[in-house]
Protein backbone atom coordinates (compact mmCIF):
# COMPACT_ATOMS: atom_id res chain seq x y z
CA ASN A 1 -44.91 -7.14 40.01
CA THR A 2 -46.59 -6.13 43.22
CA ILE A 3 -45.27 -3.96 45.69
CA GLU A 4 -47.01 -4.19 49.12
CA PHE A 5 -47.29 -1.33 51.74
CA THR A 6 -47.49 -2.51 55.02
CA GLY A 7 -47.81 -0.31 58.10
CA ALA A 8 -50.15 1.45 61.03
CA LEU A 9 -53.68 2.93 60.42
CA HIS A 10 -53.23 6.73 59.13
CA ALA A 11 -49.43 6.26 58.68
CA THR A 12 -48.00 7.04 55.25
CA VAL A 13 -45.38 4.11 53.84
CA VAL A 14 -42.72 4.82 51.43
CA LYS A 15 -41.43 2.43 48.88
CA GLN A 16 -39.36 2.63 45.79
CA VAL A 17 -39.63 1.39 42.15
CA ARG A 18 -36.31 0.96 40.14
CA LEU A 19 -36.10 1.59 36.96
CA LYS A 20 -33.78 0.85 34.21
CA ASN A 21 -32.33 1.99 30.65
CA PRO A 22 -30.31 -0.16 28.79
CA SER A 23 -30.43 1.61 25.67
CA SER A 24 -28.46 4.23 24.24
CA ARG A 25 -30.95 7.06 24.52
CA ASN A 26 -33.15 8.77 27.25
CA LEU A 27 -36.35 7.17 27.97
CA MET A 28 -39.24 8.98 29.29
CA TYR A 29 -42.34 7.68 31.40
CA ASN A 30 -45.63 9.40 32.47
CA ALA A 31 -46.26 7.81 35.56
CA ILE A 32 -50.10 7.38 36.47
CA LEU A 33 -52.27 5.70 39.15
CA VAL A 34 -55.37 4.05 38.49
CA GLY A 35 -57.91 1.81 40.34
CA ARG A 36 -60.20 1.92 43.32
CA ASP A 37 -57.85 3.46 46.06
CA ALA A 38 -55.49 5.57 43.81
CA ASP A 39 -56.02 8.67 45.90
CA ASP A 40 -54.63 6.74 48.95
CA PHE A 41 -51.39 6.51 46.61
CA SER A 42 -49.35 9.49 45.47
CA LEU A 43 -46.24 10.03 43.22
CA PRO A 44 -44.30 12.89 45.37
CA LYS A 45 -41.77 13.84 43.03
CA GLY A 46 -44.47 14.11 40.04
CA ASN A 47 -45.40 12.09 37.56
CA MET A 48 -42.73 12.50 34.76
CA VAL A 49 -39.81 10.17 35.16
CA THR A 50 -36.86 10.65 32.65
CA ILE A 51 -34.02 8.13 32.66
CA GLY A 52 -30.79 8.84 30.90
CA PRO A 53 -29.06 6.04 28.58
CA GLN A 54 -27.35 3.20 30.52
CA ARG A 55 -28.79 4.73 33.87
CA GLN A 56 -31.23 3.36 36.64
CA ARG A 57 -33.75 5.55 38.50
CA SER A 58 -35.60 4.98 41.42
CA ILE A 59 -39.25 6.58 42.07
CA LYS A 60 -40.91 7.13 45.02
CA VAL A 61 -44.56 5.82 45.81
CA GLU A 62 -46.39 6.91 48.81
CA PHE A 63 -49.29 5.07 50.88
CA THR A 64 -51.22 6.82 53.32
CA SER A 65 -53.99 4.23 54.97
CA ARG A 66 -57.42 5.64 55.91
CA PHE A 67 -59.16 2.33 56.34
CA LEU A 68 -59.05 -0.79 57.68
CA ARG A 69 -59.55 -2.85 54.78
CA PRO A 70 -56.64 -3.43 52.19
CA ALA A 71 -56.43 -0.68 49.47
CA GLU A 72 -55.38 -1.52 45.68
CA ALA A 73 -54.26 0.46 42.85
CA VAL A 74 -52.12 0.19 39.49
CA LEU A 75 -49.13 2.22 38.74
CA LEU A 76 -48.73 2.61 35.17
CA LEU A 77 -45.32 3.92 33.29
CA ILE A 78 -46.36 4.43 29.84
CA ALA A 79 -43.69 5.38 27.61
CA ARG A 80 -43.22 8.70 25.86
CA HIS A 81 -41.32 8.42 22.60
CA VAL A 82 -38.37 10.54 22.65
CA GLY A 83 -36.26 10.75 19.36
CA GLY A 84 -38.17 7.85 17.74
CA ILE A 85 -36.92 5.69 20.69
CA GLY A 86 -39.92 4.45 23.17
CA GLY A 87 -39.87 1.96 26.17
CA ALA A 88 -42.31 -0.76 27.07
CA THR A 89 -45.43 0.27 29.38
CA LEU A 90 -44.96 -1.18 32.49
CA SER A 91 -47.58 -1.80 35.35
CA PHE A 92 -47.07 -2.59 39.13
CA SER A 93 -49.93 -3.92 41.36
CA LEU A 94 -50.05 -2.03 44.62
CA LYS A 95 -51.54 -3.40 47.38
CA SER A 96 -51.72 -2.24 51.26
CA GLU A 97 -52.17 -3.84 54.64
CA VAL A 98 -52.80 -2.19 58.17
CA LYS A 99 -50.88 -4.32 60.94
CA HIS A 100 -51.82 -2.37 63.66
CA ILE A 101 -53.36 0.68 65.31
CA GLU A 102 -52.13 3.16 67.09
CA PRO A 103 -53.71 5.13 69.64
């Protein structure tokens, strides 16, 4: 899955990633940003995500453009085992595009 961040140079763009837990136990994920431009992306609510049983939760990913060139990174959500139950590791490609420059 690819999440695209489009906006003005030096603007902050926020996207949300919705995660679902179909199991009957809590799922915990450790979120990590990796890649060439990972420093331009952030997780404002922290990197630990807990999803209750039969629930869904959105996590915010922010991007602030510093350059005109497209930025790329990967969001990894690594499942932590809780009570013997673990989810699958999830990955999302993060890409940006600067559409305009504001003075």
